[in-house]
Amino acid sequence: MRTGSKCVHCDEDDILLPEPIRGGHYLHYRHFCTVLGCEYAPYEKIDAYFSSFGKLVNPFPLLCRDTIERVNVIISDDRLLSNREYHIFVASVADLMRQFKSRPSASLYGSTRNNGYPFTKVMQAIAYVIADDGEVGPKRVLEPYKELIERHLTANPGLSVEICRPDLLTPLVIVGNGRGALVGADNPAVYEKLVSRDPNNQYKLLVRPITEDDLRNA
C-alpha cells in the first residue's frame, strides 16, 4: 500500500458522510476500512504512516489548474491567500527546465531546506499554462508534461511564465496564456501541528484549519 501527501478536502466534514468517517482525513481507501474497524484492514501499515503526519497532509491544493479568472476567485475567497503580498516576476522556462533535469526531486522558493514548492508540480503547472488550447483537456495537458515543455522550448527558446511568490508558504501562483495554476508547498514541520488523532478512534485523523500564525511562527 502506497500513499503520499493528500490535500484537505472541503467536504471532509459533510453532513452526508456517515458519522464514523465524517470529519476525518484519509490517506487511502484502505484507511477508511481501518477507521471502520474492518477485520482485514491494514492496521499496522496505516499506523506506520502516522509516524510522519506532516508529510501526509496538505491544507492547500497540491496542484490546481484552471482559467486565470477561476484561480483569482479561489485566491480572493480565501483570506489566507488574498492577504498575502506577492512578489511577481517573469521566469525563463528554459532555465527552470535545466534546473529541473538536474534535481527533479527538489523544492523551490522554500524558507528552509525542508520546505518549498515541489519542482515536479511547478513544472506540471508550467506545462499547463504554456500549452496551446488544443493541447489541454479539463484542467490538464493531453500529453506528458515534460515532452510538451521541450516541444514548446524548441519552437520558442525564450519562453517565459509569470510567477507570483507569496510572502508566506501559501500556494505559488503561475499564470500565462489565459490560464493559472496554484502549487501547494511541502511544509511538514508546520502541517504536522495541524493533525491529531480522534480520541475515540486512534486511526481517524483530524486536521484543523491552518492559520497565518502557523506559517509565521514556523
N, C-alpha and C. Protein backbone atom coordinates (compact mmCIF):
# COMPACT_ATOMS: atom_id res chain seq x y z
N MET A 1 0.85 -1.19 0.00
CA MET A 1 0.00 0.00 0.00
C MET A 1 0.88 1.24 0.00
N ARG A 2 0.66 2.12 -0.98
CA ARG A 2 1.46 3.33 -1.09
C ARG A 2 0.56 4.55 -0.97
N THR A 3 1.09 5.58 -0.35
CA THR A 3 0.33 6.83 -0.24
C THR A 3 1.31 7.98 -0.14
N GLY A 4 0.81 9.17 -0.38
CA GLY A 4 1.63 10.37 -0.26
C GLY A 4 0.80 11.46 0.37
N SER A 5 1.27 12.69 0.24
CA SER A 5 0.54 13.81 0.80
C SER A 5 -0.83 13.95 0.13
N LYS A 6 -1.85 14.17 0.95
CA LYS A 6 -3.21 14.36 0.46
C LYS A 6 -3.70 15.73 0.93
N CYS A 7 -4.26 16.51 0.01
CA CYS A 7 -4.79 17.81 0.42
C CYS A 7 -6.08 17.62 1.21
N VAL A 8 -6.32 18.54 2.11
CA VAL A 8 -7.54 18.50 2.92
C VAL A 8 -8.71 18.93 2.04
N HIS A 9 -9.73 18.09 1.96
CA HIS A 9 -10.87 18.37 1.10
C HIS A 9 -11.93 19.16 1.86
N CYS A 10 -12.56 20.10 1.15
CA CYS A 10 -13.55 20.97 1.79
C CYS A 10 -14.77 20.20 2.29
N ASP A 11 -15.01 18.99 1.76
CA ASP A 11 -16.20 18.22 2.14
C ASP A 11 -15.90 17.10 3.14
N GLU A 12 -14.75 17.14 3.78
CA GLU A 12 -14.42 16.07 4.72
C GLU A 12 -15.39 16.02 5.91
N ASP A 13 -16.02 17.16 6.18
CA ASP A 13 -16.97 17.21 7.31
C ASP A 13 -18.41 17.31 6.82
N ASP A 14 -18.66 16.88 5.61
CA ASP A 14 -20.01 16.99 5.03
C ASP A 14 -21.01 16.16 5.83
N ILE A 15 -22.17 16.73 6.08
CA ILE A 15 -23.21 16.07 6.88
C ILE A 15 -23.71 14.79 6.22
N LEU A 16 -23.53 14.67 4.90
CA LEU A 16 -23.99 13.48 4.18
C LEU A 16 -23.08 12.27 4.39
N LEU A 17 -21.89 12.50 4.91
CA LEU A 17 -20.99 11.38 5.17
C LEU A 17 -21.45 10.60 6.40
N PRO A 18 -21.25 9.29 6.42
CA PRO A 18 -21.58 8.51 7.63
C PRO A 18 -20.79 9.02 8.83
N GLU A 19 -21.42 9.05 9.97
CA GLU A 19 -20.80 9.63 11.17
C GLU A 19 -19.44 9.03 11.50
N PRO A 20 -19.23 7.72 11.36
CA PRO A 20 -17.92 7.16 11.76
C PRO A 20 -16.73 7.73 10.98
N ILE A 21 -16.96 8.15 9.73
CA ILE A 21 -15.84 8.68 8.95
C ILE A 21 -15.90 10.20 8.79
N ARG A 22 -17.02 10.81 9.15
CA ARG A 22 -17.18 12.26 8.97
C ARG A 22 -16.14 13.03 9.76
N GLY A 23 -15.54 14.03 9.13
CA GLY A 23 -14.57 14.88 9.80
C GLY A 23 -13.16 14.35 9.77
N GLY A 24 -12.97 13.17 9.21
CA GLY A 24 -11.63 12.59 9.16
C GLY A 24 -10.89 12.92 7.87
N HIS A 25 -9.58 12.76 7.93
CA HIS A 25 -8.73 12.94 6.76
C HIS A 25 -8.15 11.57 6.42
N TYR A 26 -8.26 11.18 5.15
CA TYR A 26 -7.93 9.80 4.78
C TYR A 26 -6.82 9.74 3.72
N LEU A 27 -5.97 8.74 3.88
CA LEU A 27 -4.78 8.62 3.05
C LEU A 27 -4.95 7.63 1.90
N HIS A 28 -5.92 6.74 2.02
CA HIS A 28 -6.04 5.62 1.09
C HIS A 28 -7.41 5.01 1.33
N TYR A 29 -7.96 4.32 0.33
CA TYR A 29 -9.28 3.73 0.57
C TYR A 29 -9.23 2.69 1.68
N ARG A 30 -8.08 2.07 1.90
CA ARG A 30 -7.96 1.11 3.00
C ARG A 30 -7.93 1.79 4.35
N HIS A 31 -7.62 3.09 4.35
CA HIS A 31 -7.67 3.85 5.60
C HIS A 31 -9.11 3.93 6.12
N PHE A 32 -10.06 4.06 5.19
CA PHE A 32 -11.47 4.03 5.59
C PHE A 32 -11.79 2.72 6.30
N CYS A 33 -11.31 1.62 5.73
CA CYS A 33 -11.57 0.30 6.33
C CYS A 33 -11.02 0.23 7.75
N THR A 34 -9.85 0.82 7.94
CA THR A 34 -9.22 0.80 9.25
C THR A 34 -10.06 1.56 10.27
N VAL A 35 -10.52 2.75 9.88
CA VAL A 35 -11.33 3.56 10.79
C VAL A 35 -12.65 2.87 11.11
N LEU A 36 -13.18 2.14 10.14
CA LEU A 36 -14.46 1.45 10.34
C LEU A 36 -14.31 0.11 11.07
N GLY A 37 -13.06 -0.27 11.37
CA GLY A 37 -12.85 -1.48 12.16
C GLY A 37 -12.94 -2.78 11.39
N CYS A 38 -12.71 -2.72 10.08
CA CYS A 38 -12.77 -3.94 9.27
C CYS A 38 -11.75 -4.96 9.76
N GLU A 39 -12.16 -6.20 9.78
CA GLU A 39 -11.30 -7.29 10.27
C GLU A 39 -10.02 -7.40 9.46
N TYR A 40 -10.09 -7.09 8.16
CA TYR A 40 -8.95 -7.31 7.28
C TYR A 40 -8.21 -6.00 6.93
N ALA A 41 -8.51 -4.94 7.62
CA ALA A 41 -7.86 -3.65 7.34
C ALA A 41 -6.38 -3.72 7.72
N PRO A 42 -5.51 -2.96 7.01
CA PRO A 42 -4.06 -3.00 7.25
C PRO A 42 -3.65 -2.08 8.41
N TYR A 43 -4.02 -2.45 9.61
CA TYR A 43 -3.78 -1.59 10.77
C TYR A 43 -2.31 -1.22 10.94
N GLU A 44 -1.43 -2.18 10.83
CA GLU A 44 -0.01 -1.91 11.06
C GLU A 44 0.55 -0.97 9.99
N LYS A 45 0.14 -1.15 8.74
CA LYS A 45 0.64 -0.28 7.67
C LYS A 45 0.14 1.15 7.85
N ILE A 46 -1.12 1.30 8.19
CA ILE A 46 -1.66 2.64 8.43
C ILE A 46 -0.95 3.29 9.61
N ASP A 47 -0.75 2.53 10.66
CA ASP A 47 -0.08 3.07 11.85
C ASP A 47 1.33 3.52 11.52
N ALA A 48 2.00 2.81 10.63
CA ALA A 48 3.37 3.17 10.26
C ALA A 48 3.42 4.53 9.57
N TYR A 49 2.42 4.83 8.77
CA TYR A 49 2.38 6.13 8.10
C TYR A 49 2.22 7.27 9.11
N PHE A 50 1.60 7.00 10.23
CA PHE A 50 1.31 8.05 11.19
C PHE A 50 2.55 8.58 11.90
N SER A 51 3.70 7.99 11.62
CA SER A 51 4.94 8.49 12.23
C SER A 51 5.40 9.80 11.59
N SER A 52 4.78 10.18 10.48
CA SER A 52 5.19 11.41 9.78
C SER A 52 3.95 12.17 9.32
N PHE A 53 3.15 12.66 10.28
CA PHE A 53 1.92 13.36 9.98
C PHE A 53 2.11 14.50 8.97
N GLY A 54 3.19 15.26 9.12
CA GLY A 54 3.39 16.44 8.29
C GLY A 54 3.58 16.15 6.82
N LYS A 55 3.93 14.90 6.49
CA LYS A 55 4.11 14.52 5.09
C LYS A 55 2.85 13.90 4.50
N LEU A 56 1.83 13.73 5.34
CA LEU A 56 0.59 13.09 4.89
C LEU A 56 -0.49 14.08 4.51
N VAL A 57 -0.33 15.32 4.94
CA VAL A 57 -1.42 16.30 4.87
C VAL A 57 -0.92 17.57 4.20
N ASN A 58 -1.77 18.17 3.38
CA ASN A 58 -1.50 19.50 2.87
C ASN A 58 -2.80 20.29 2.93
N PRO A 59 -2.84 21.38 3.68
CA PRO A 59 -4.08 22.17 3.80
C PRO A 59 -4.40 22.99 2.55
N PHE A 60 -3.48 22.99 1.60
CA PHE A 60 -3.67 23.74 0.35
C PHE A 60 -3.77 22.77 -0.83
N PRO A 61 -4.25 23.25 -1.98
CA PRO A 61 -4.25 22.37 -3.16
C PRO A 61 -2.83 21.93 -3.50
N LEU A 62 -2.66 20.66 -3.84
CA LEU A 62 -1.35 20.19 -4.28
C LEU A 62 -1.01 20.81 -5.64
N LEU A 63 -2.00 20.80 -6.54
CA LEU A 63 -1.86 21.42 -7.86
C LEU A 63 -3.25 21.68 -8.40
N CYS A 64 -3.59 22.94 -8.54
CA CYS A 64 -4.90 23.33 -9.06
C CYS A 64 -4.69 24.08 -10.36
N ARG A 65 -5.30 23.60 -11.44
CA ARG A 65 -5.16 24.21 -12.76
C ARG A 65 -6.52 24.64 -13.28
N ASP A 66 -6.60 25.89 -13.74
CA ASP A 66 -7.90 26.39 -14.21
C ASP A 66 -7.67 27.66 -15.02
N THR A 67 -8.76 28.33 -15.39
CA THR A 67 -8.63 29.63 -16.03
C THR A 67 -8.07 30.63 -15.02
N ILE A 68 -7.46 31.68 -15.52
CA ILE A 68 -6.91 32.69 -14.61
C ILE A 68 -8.03 33.34 -13.79
N GLU A 69 -9.22 33.47 -14.40
CA GLU A 69 -10.35 34.06 -13.67
C GLU A 69 -10.74 33.18 -12.48
N ARG A 70 -10.78 31.88 -12.69
CA ARG A 70 -11.16 30.96 -11.61
C ARG A 70 -10.08 30.93 -10.54
N VAL A 71 -8.82 30.96 -10.92
CA VAL A 71 -7.74 30.99 -9.94
C VAL A 71 -7.82 32.25 -9.09
N ASN A 72 -8.13 33.38 -9.72
CA ASN A 72 -8.26 34.64 -8.97
C ASN A 72 -9.41 34.57 -7.97
N VAL A 73 -10.50 33.89 -8.35
CA VAL A 73 -11.63 33.73 -7.43
C VAL A 73 -11.22 32.87 -6.24
N ILE A 74 -10.50 31.79 -6.48
CA ILE A 74 -10.03 30.93 -5.39
C ILE A 74 -9.19 31.72 -4.41
N ILE A 75 -8.32 32.56 -4.92
CA ILE A 75 -7.45 33.37 -4.06
C ILE A 75 -8.27 34.39 -3.28
N SER A 76 -9.17 35.09 -3.96
CA SER A 76 -9.94 36.14 -3.29
C SER A 76 -10.90 35.58 -2.25
N ASP A 77 -11.35 34.34 -2.43
CA ASP A 77 -12.29 33.74 -1.48
C ASP A 77 -11.60 33.17 -0.24
N ASP A 78 -10.31 33.12 -0.22
CA ASP A 78 -9.56 32.56 0.91
C ASP A 78 -8.72 33.68 1.53
N ARG A 79 -9.05 34.08 2.74
CA ARG A 79 -8.37 35.23 3.36
C ARG A 79 -6.88 34.99 3.52
N LEU A 80 -6.50 33.76 3.81
CA LEU A 80 -5.09 33.48 3.99
C LEU A 80 -4.30 33.69 2.70
N LEU A 81 -4.93 33.40 1.56
CA LEU A 81 -4.28 33.61 0.27
C LEU A 81 -4.39 35.06 -0.18
N SER A 82 -5.56 35.65 0.01
CA SER A 82 -5.77 37.01 -0.50
C SER A 82 -5.02 38.07 0.32
N ASN A 83 -4.68 37.77 1.57
CA ASN A 83 -3.95 38.72 2.41
C ASN A 83 -2.45 38.69 2.21
N ARG A 84 -1.98 37.88 1.29
CA ARG A 84 -0.54 37.78 1.05
C ARG A 84 -0.03 38.94 0.19
N GLU A 85 1.25 39.22 0.38
CA GLU A 85 1.96 40.08 -0.55
C GLU A 85 2.70 39.17 -1.52
N TYR A 86 2.50 39.38 -2.81
CA TYR A 86 3.08 38.52 -3.82
C TYR A 86 4.22 39.23 -4.54
N HIS A 87 5.36 38.56 -4.60
CA HIS A 87 6.47 39.03 -5.43
C HIS A 87 6.27 38.45 -6.82
N ILE A 88 6.03 39.31 -7.79
CA ILE A 88 5.69 38.87 -9.14
C ILE A 88 6.92 39.03 -10.03
N PHE A 89 7.29 37.96 -10.71
CA PHE A 89 8.45 38.01 -11.60
C PHE A 89 8.22 37.10 -12.79
N VAL A 90 9.00 37.34 -13.83
CA VAL A 90 8.94 36.54 -15.04
C VAL A 90 10.10 35.54 -15.00
N ALA A 91 9.78 34.26 -15.19
CA ALA A 91 10.79 33.21 -15.11
C ALA A 91 10.99 32.55 -16.46
N SER A 92 12.22 32.30 -16.80
CA SER A 92 12.55 31.60 -18.04
C SER A 92 12.21 30.12 -17.90
N VAL A 93 11.40 29.62 -18.81
CA VAL A 93 11.03 28.20 -18.78
C VAL A 93 12.26 27.34 -19.07
N ALA A 94 13.13 27.79 -19.96
CA ALA A 94 14.34 27.03 -20.28
C ALA A 94 15.24 26.89 -19.05
N ASP A 95 15.40 27.97 -18.30
CA ASP A 95 16.23 27.92 -17.09
C ASP A 95 15.64 26.96 -16.07
N LEU A 96 14.33 27.03 -15.87
CA LEU A 96 13.68 26.14 -14.91
C LEU A 96 13.79 24.69 -15.36
N MET A 97 13.67 24.44 -16.66
CA MET A 97 13.76 23.08 -17.16
C MET A 97 15.16 22.51 -16.94
N ARG A 98 16.20 23.33 -17.13
CA ARG A 98 17.57 22.88 -16.89
C ARG A 98 17.76 22.52 -15.41
N GLN A 99 17.25 23.37 -14.52
CA GLN A 99 17.35 23.09 -13.09
C GLN A 99 16.59 21.83 -12.73
N PHE A 100 15.42 21.67 -13.31
CA PHE A 100 14.58 20.52 -13.00
C PHE A 100 15.26 19.22 -13.41
N LYS A 101 15.92 19.20 -14.55
CA LYS A 101 16.59 17.99 -15.01
C LYS A 101 17.71 17.57 -14.07
N SER A 102 18.34 18.55 -13.44
CA SER A 102 19.47 18.22 -12.56
C SER A 102 19.03 17.86 -11.14
N ARG A 103 17.84 18.30 -10.74
CA ARG A 103 17.36 17.97 -9.39
C ARG A 103 15.83 17.90 -9.38
N PRO A 104 15.28 16.89 -10.01
CA PRO A 104 13.82 16.80 -10.16
C PRO A 104 13.05 16.62 -8.85
N SER A 105 13.71 16.11 -7.82
CA SER A 105 13.00 15.90 -6.55
C SER A 105 13.14 17.09 -5.61
N ALA A 106 13.74 18.17 -6.07
CA ALA A 106 13.97 19.34 -5.22
C ALA A 106 12.69 20.15 -5.02
N SER A 107 12.78 21.11 -4.12
CA SER A 107 11.70 22.07 -3.91
C SER A 107 12.21 23.47 -4.20
N LEU A 108 11.32 24.36 -4.59
CA LEU A 108 11.68 25.73 -4.93
C LEU A 108 11.12 26.72 -3.93
N TYR A 109 11.87 27.83 -3.74
CA TYR A 109 11.39 29.01 -3.02
C TYR A 109 11.00 28.71 -1.57
N GLY A 110 11.63 27.75 -0.93
CA GLY A 110 11.33 27.46 0.46
C GLY A 110 12.03 28.42 1.40
N SER A 111 11.57 28.44 2.64
CA SER A 111 12.21 29.27 3.67
C SER A 111 13.26 28.48 4.43
N THR A 112 13.25 27.15 4.31
CA THR A 112 14.27 26.29 4.91
C THR A 112 14.58 25.17 3.92
N ARG A 113 15.52 24.30 4.27
CA ARG A 113 15.86 23.18 3.40
C ARG A 113 14.73 22.14 3.36
N ASN A 114 13.82 22.21 4.31
CA ASN A 114 12.80 21.17 4.45
C ASN A 114 11.41 21.59 3.98
N ASN A 115 11.32 22.73 3.32
CA ASN A 115 10.01 23.11 2.78
C ASN A 115 10.18 23.79 1.42
N GLY A 116 9.08 24.03 0.76
CA GLY A 116 9.12 24.67 -0.55
C GLY A 116 8.13 24.01 -1.50
N TYR A 117 8.12 24.50 -2.73
CA TYR A 117 7.18 24.03 -3.73
C TYR A 117 7.81 22.89 -4.55
N PRO A 118 7.17 21.72 -4.58
CA PRO A 118 7.76 20.59 -5.30
C PRO A 118 8.02 20.93 -6.77
N PHE A 119 9.27 20.71 -7.20
CA PHE A 119 9.66 21.08 -8.55
C PHE A 119 8.79 20.38 -9.59
N THR A 120 8.44 19.12 -9.35
CA THR A 120 7.61 18.39 -10.31
C THR A 120 6.27 19.08 -10.51
N LYS A 121 5.63 19.50 -9.40
CA LYS A 121 4.34 20.18 -9.51
C LYS A 121 4.48 21.53 -10.22
N VAL A 122 5.57 22.23 -9.95
CA VAL A 122 5.79 23.52 -10.60
C VAL A 122 5.89 23.33 -12.12
N MET A 123 6.62 22.31 -12.54
CA MET A 123 6.77 22.07 -13.98
C MET A 123 5.47 21.59 -14.62
N GLN A 124 4.68 20.83 -13.88
CA GLN A 124 3.36 20.43 -14.40
C GLN A 124 2.46 21.65 -14.56
N ALA A 125 2.57 22.59 -13.63
CA ALA A 125 1.80 23.84 -13.74
C ALA A 125 2.26 24.65 -14.93
N ILE A 126 3.56 24.72 -15.13
CA ILE A 126 4.09 25.47 -16.27
C ILE A 126 3.62 24.87 -17.59
N ALA A 127 3.64 23.55 -17.69
CA ALA A 127 3.16 22.90 -18.91
C ALA A 127 1.73 23.31 -19.21
N TYR A 128 0.92 23.39 -18.16
CA TYR A 128 -0.50 23.73 -18.34
C TYR A 128 -0.67 25.16 -18.85
N VAL A 129 0.10 26.09 -18.31
CA VAL A 129 -0.13 27.49 -18.69
C VAL A 129 0.53 27.85 -20.02
N ILE A 130 1.52 27.08 -20.48
CA ILE A 130 2.13 27.41 -21.77
C ILE A 130 1.49 26.65 -22.93
N ALA A 131 0.69 25.65 -22.63
CA ALA A 131 0.10 24.82 -23.68
C ALA A 131 -0.86 25.62 -24.57
N ASP A 132 -0.92 25.22 -25.84
CA ASP A 132 -1.92 25.78 -26.74
C ASP A 132 -3.30 25.22 -26.37
N ASP A 133 -4.34 25.90 -26.81
CA ASP A 133 -5.70 25.49 -26.43
C ASP A 133 -6.00 24.04 -26.82
N GLY A 134 -5.49 23.60 -27.94
CA GLY A 134 -5.75 22.24 -28.38
C GLY A 134 -4.95 21.18 -27.65
N GLU A 135 -4.06 21.61 -26.76
CA GLU A 135 -3.19 20.68 -26.03
C GLU A 135 -3.64 20.44 -24.60
N VAL A 136 -4.77 21.04 -24.22
CA VAL A 136 -5.26 20.88 -22.86
C VAL A 136 -6.68 20.31 -22.87
N GLY A 137 -6.94 19.45 -21.89
CA GLY A 137 -8.28 18.96 -21.65
C GLY A 137 -8.83 19.65 -20.42
N PRO A 138 -9.75 19.02 -19.73
CA PRO A 138 -10.28 19.61 -18.49
C PRO A 138 -9.19 19.67 -17.41
N LYS A 139 -8.52 20.80 -17.34
CA LYS A 139 -7.57 21.10 -16.27
C LYS A 139 -6.30 20.26 -16.29
N ARG A 140 -5.90 19.78 -17.47
CA ARG A 140 -4.62 19.10 -17.58
C ARG A 140 -4.20 19.05 -19.04
N VAL A 141 -2.89 18.84 -19.24
CA VAL A 141 -2.40 18.73 -20.61
C VAL A 141 -2.67 17.32 -21.13
N LEU A 142 -2.69 17.20 -22.45
CA LEU A 142 -3.10 15.94 -23.07
C LEU A 142 -1.91 15.05 -23.44
N GLU A 143 -0.72 15.40 -23.01
CA GLU A 143 0.46 14.59 -23.27
C GLU A 143 1.40 14.72 -22.08
N PRO A 144 2.44 13.89 -21.99
CA PRO A 144 3.38 14.02 -20.88
C PRO A 144 3.93 15.44 -20.77
N TYR A 145 3.91 15.98 -19.58
CA TYR A 145 4.20 17.41 -19.41
C TYR A 145 5.63 17.77 -19.83
N LYS A 146 6.60 16.88 -19.59
CA LYS A 146 7.98 17.20 -19.97
C LYS A 146 8.13 17.26 -21.49
N GLU A 147 7.45 16.38 -22.18
CA GLU A 147 7.51 16.40 -23.64
C GLU A 147 6.88 17.67 -24.19
N LEU A 148 5.78 18.09 -23.60
CA LEU A 148 5.13 19.32 -24.06
C LEU A 148 6.05 20.52 -23.86
N ILE A 149 6.67 20.61 -22.68
CA ILE A 149 7.56 21.74 -22.41
C ILE A 149 8.73 21.75 -23.39
N GLU A 150 9.36 20.59 -23.61
CA GLU A 150 10.50 20.51 -24.52
C GLU A 150 10.11 20.94 -25.93
N ARG A 151 8.93 20.52 -26.37
CA ARG A 151 8.49 20.87 -27.72
C ARG A 151 8.26 22.37 -27.85
N HIS A 152 7.67 22.98 -26.82
CA HIS A 152 7.44 24.42 -26.85
C HIS A 152 8.75 25.19 -26.78
N LEU A 153 9.72 24.66 -26.05
CA LEU A 153 11.02 25.34 -25.97
C LEU A 153 11.78 25.24 -27.29
N THR A 154 11.60 24.15 -28.01
CA THR A 154 12.22 24.03 -29.33
C THR A 154 11.68 25.09 -30.27
N ALA A 155 10.38 25.34 -30.18
CA ALA A 155 9.74 26.35 -31.03
C ALA A 155 10.03 27.77 -30.54
N ASN A 156 10.20 27.93 -29.23
CA ASN A 156 10.38 29.26 -28.66
C ASN A 156 11.32 29.18 -27.46
N PRO A 157 12.64 29.23 -27.68
CA PRO A 157 13.61 29.09 -26.58
C PRO A 157 13.49 30.18 -25.52
N GLY A 158 12.92 31.31 -25.88
CA GLY A 158 12.79 32.41 -24.92
C GLY A 158 11.50 32.38 -24.12
N LEU A 159 10.81 31.28 -24.14
CA LEU A 159 9.51 31.15 -23.47
C LEU A 159 9.62 31.47 -21.98
N SER A 160 8.64 32.19 -21.46
CA SER A 160 8.64 32.55 -20.04
C SER A 160 7.24 32.48 -19.47
N VAL A 161 7.14 32.43 -18.15
CA VAL A 161 5.87 32.46 -17.44
C VAL A 161 5.96 33.46 -16.30
N GLU A 162 4.80 33.91 -15.86
CA GLU A 162 4.74 34.82 -14.72
C GLU A 162 4.51 34.01 -13.45
N ILE A 163 5.34 34.23 -12.45
CA ILE A 163 5.23 33.53 -11.17
C ILE A 163 4.95 34.55 -10.08
N CYS A 164 3.97 34.24 -9.25
CA CYS A 164 3.61 35.10 -8.13
C CYS A 164 3.95 34.33 -6.84
N ARG A 165 5.01 34.79 -6.17
CA ARG A 165 5.50 34.09 -4.99
C ARG A 165 5.00 34.81 -3.73
N PRO A 166 4.22 34.12 -2.89
CA PRO A 166 3.68 34.79 -1.69
C PRO A 166 4.73 34.98 -0.60
N ASP A 167 4.46 35.91 0.31
CA ASP A 167 5.41 36.20 1.39
C ASP A 167 5.45 35.09 2.45
N LEU A 168 4.42 34.25 2.51
CA LEU A 168 4.41 33.05 3.33
C LEU A 168 4.16 31.85 2.42
N LEU A 169 4.33 30.64 2.95
CA LEU A 169 4.23 29.46 2.08
C LEU A 169 2.79 28.99 1.85
N THR A 170 1.98 29.94 1.35
CA THR A 170 0.69 29.59 0.76
C THR A 170 0.96 29.23 -0.70
N PRO A 171 -0.04 28.81 -1.47
CA PRO A 171 0.26 28.35 -2.83
C PRO A 171 0.96 29.37 -3.72
N LEU A 172 1.91 28.86 -4.47
CA LEU A 172 2.57 29.60 -5.54
C LEU A 172 1.58 29.74 -6.69
N VAL A 173 1.59 30.89 -7.35
CA VAL A 173 0.68 31.14 -8.46
C VAL A 173 1.50 31.29 -9.74
N ILE A 174 1.13 30.51 -10.76
CA ILE A 174 1.81 30.57 -12.06
C ILE A 174 0.76 30.86 -13.12
N VAL A 175 1.00 31.88 -13.95
CA VAL A 175 -0.02 32.29 -14.91
C VAL A 175 0.58 32.46 -16.29
N GLY A 176 -0.29 32.31 -17.28
CA GLY A 176 0.11 32.51 -18.66
C GLY A 176 -0.95 31.99 -19.60
N ASN A 177 -1.06 32.60 -20.78
CA ASN A 177 -1.93 32.08 -21.83
C ASN A 177 -3.40 32.02 -21.41
N GLY A 178 -3.81 32.93 -20.49
CA GLY A 178 -5.20 32.94 -20.03
C GLY A 178 -5.52 31.88 -18.99
N ARG A 179 -4.49 31.15 -18.52
CA ARG A 179 -4.69 30.10 -17.53
C ARG A 179 -3.84 30.39 -16.29
N GLY A 180 -4.18 29.69 -15.23
CA GLY A 180 -3.41 29.85 -13.99
C GLY A 180 -3.32 28.52 -13.26
N ALA A 181 -2.36 28.44 -12.36
CA ALA A 181 -2.19 27.24 -11.55
C ALA A 181 -1.73 27.64 -10.16
N LEU A 182 -2.21 26.90 -9.18
CA LEU A 182 -1.78 27.04 -7.79
C LEU A 182 -0.99 25.79 -7.42
N VAL A 183 0.17 25.99 -6.82
CA VAL A 183 1.01 24.88 -6.38
C VAL A 183 1.20 24.99 -4.87
N GLY A 184 0.73 23.99 -4.14
CA GLY A 184 0.87 23.99 -2.69
C GLY A 184 2.27 23.59 -2.27
N ALA A 185 2.74 24.18 -1.19
CA ALA A 185 4.09 23.88 -0.70
C ALA A 185 4.10 22.63 0.16
N ASP A 186 5.24 21.94 0.14
CA ASP A 186 5.54 20.95 1.17
C ASP A 186 6.07 21.72 2.37
N ASN A 187 5.48 21.46 3.53
CA ASN A 187 5.88 22.20 4.74
C ASN A 187 5.60 21.32 5.97
N PRO A 188 6.26 20.17 6.04
CA PRO A 188 5.86 19.15 7.03
C PRO A 188 5.94 19.59 8.48
N ALA A 189 6.89 20.43 8.84
CA ALA A 189 7.01 20.84 10.24
C ALA A 189 5.79 21.65 10.67
N VAL A 190 5.23 22.43 9.76
CA VAL A 190 4.03 23.22 10.06
C VAL A 190 2.79 22.34 10.00
N TYR A 191 2.68 21.54 8.96
CA TYR A 191 1.47 20.75 8.77
C TYR A 191 1.28 19.70 9.86
N GLU A 192 2.38 19.22 10.42
CA GLU A 192 2.28 18.22 11.48
C GLU A 192 1.50 18.76 12.68
N LYS A 193 1.60 20.06 12.93
CA LYS A 193 0.91 20.68 14.07
C LYS A 193 -0.61 20.76 13.86
N LEU A 194 -1.05 20.56 12.63
CA LEU A 194 -2.48 20.65 12.34
C LEU A 194 -3.20 19.33 12.59
N VAL A 195 -2.45 18.25 12.74
CA VAL A 195 -3.02 16.90 12.74
C VAL A 195 -3.08 16.32 14.15
N SER A 196 -4.19 15.66 14.45
CA SER A 196 -4.33 14.92 15.71
C SER A 196 -5.13 13.66 15.43
N ARG A 197 -5.11 12.75 16.39
CA ARG A 197 -5.92 11.54 16.28
C ARG A 197 -7.23 11.75 17.02
N ASP A 198 -8.29 11.24 16.46
CA ASP A 198 -9.59 11.29 17.13
C ASP A 198 -9.49 10.53 18.45
N PRO A 199 -9.86 11.15 19.57
CA PRO A 199 -9.75 10.45 20.86
C PRO A 199 -10.61 9.19 20.95
N ASN A 200 -11.61 9.08 20.07
CA ASN A 200 -12.48 7.90 20.09
C ASN A 200 -12.10 6.84 19.06
N ASN A 201 -11.08 7.18 18.22
CA ASN A 201 -10.66 6.22 17.20
C ASN A 201 -9.23 6.58 16.81
N GLN A 202 -8.28 5.80 17.26
CA GLN A 202 -6.88 6.16 17.07
C GLN A 202 -6.44 6.17 15.61
N TYR A 203 -7.25 5.57 14.72
CA TYR A 203 -6.88 5.53 13.30
C TYR A 203 -7.51 6.66 12.50
N LYS A 204 -8.35 7.44 13.11
CA LYS A 204 -9.02 8.55 12.42
C LYS A 204 -8.23 9.83 12.63
N LEU A 205 -7.78 10.44 11.54
CA LEU A 205 -7.01 11.66 11.61
C LEU A 205 -7.93 12.88 11.52
N LEU A 206 -7.67 13.84 12.38
CA LEU A 206 -8.38 15.11 12.37
C LEU A 206 -7.40 16.21 11.99
N VAL A 207 -7.82 17.11 11.11
CA VAL A 207 -6.94 18.19 10.66
C VAL A 207 -7.65 19.52 10.88
N ARG A 208 -7.04 20.36 11.70
CA ARG A 208 -7.64 21.69 11.92
C ARG A 208 -7.20 22.64 10.81
N PRO A 209 -7.93 23.74 10.60
CA PRO A 209 -7.53 24.71 9.57
C PRO A 209 -6.18 25.35 9.89
N ILE A 210 -5.43 25.63 8.86
CA ILE A 210 -4.16 26.33 9.05
C ILE A 210 -4.42 27.82 9.21
N THR A 211 -3.56 28.50 9.97
CA THR A 211 -3.72 29.93 10.20
C THR A 211 -2.44 30.65 9.77
N GLU A 212 -2.54 31.95 9.69
CA GLU A 212 -1.36 32.76 9.36
C GLU A 212 -0.29 32.62 10.44
N ASP A 213 -0.72 32.52 11.70
CA ASP A 213 0.25 32.34 12.79
C ASP A 213 1.02 31.04 12.63
N ASP A 214 0.35 29.99 12.18
CA ASP A 214 1.05 28.72 11.94
C ASP A 214 2.22 28.92 10.99
N LEU A 215 1.99 29.68 9.92
CA LEU A 215 3.02 29.89 8.91
C LEU A 215 4.08 30.87 9.39
N ARG A 216 3.67 31.90 10.10
CA ARG A 216 4.65 32.89 10.55
C ARG A 216 5.53 32.37 11.67
N ASN A 217 4.99 31.51 12.52
CA ASN A 217 5.73 31.03 13.69
C ASN A 217 6.41 29.70 13.46
N ALA A 218 6.56 29.32 12.20
CA ALA A 218 7.17 28.01 11.90
C ALA A 218 8.62 27.97 12.37
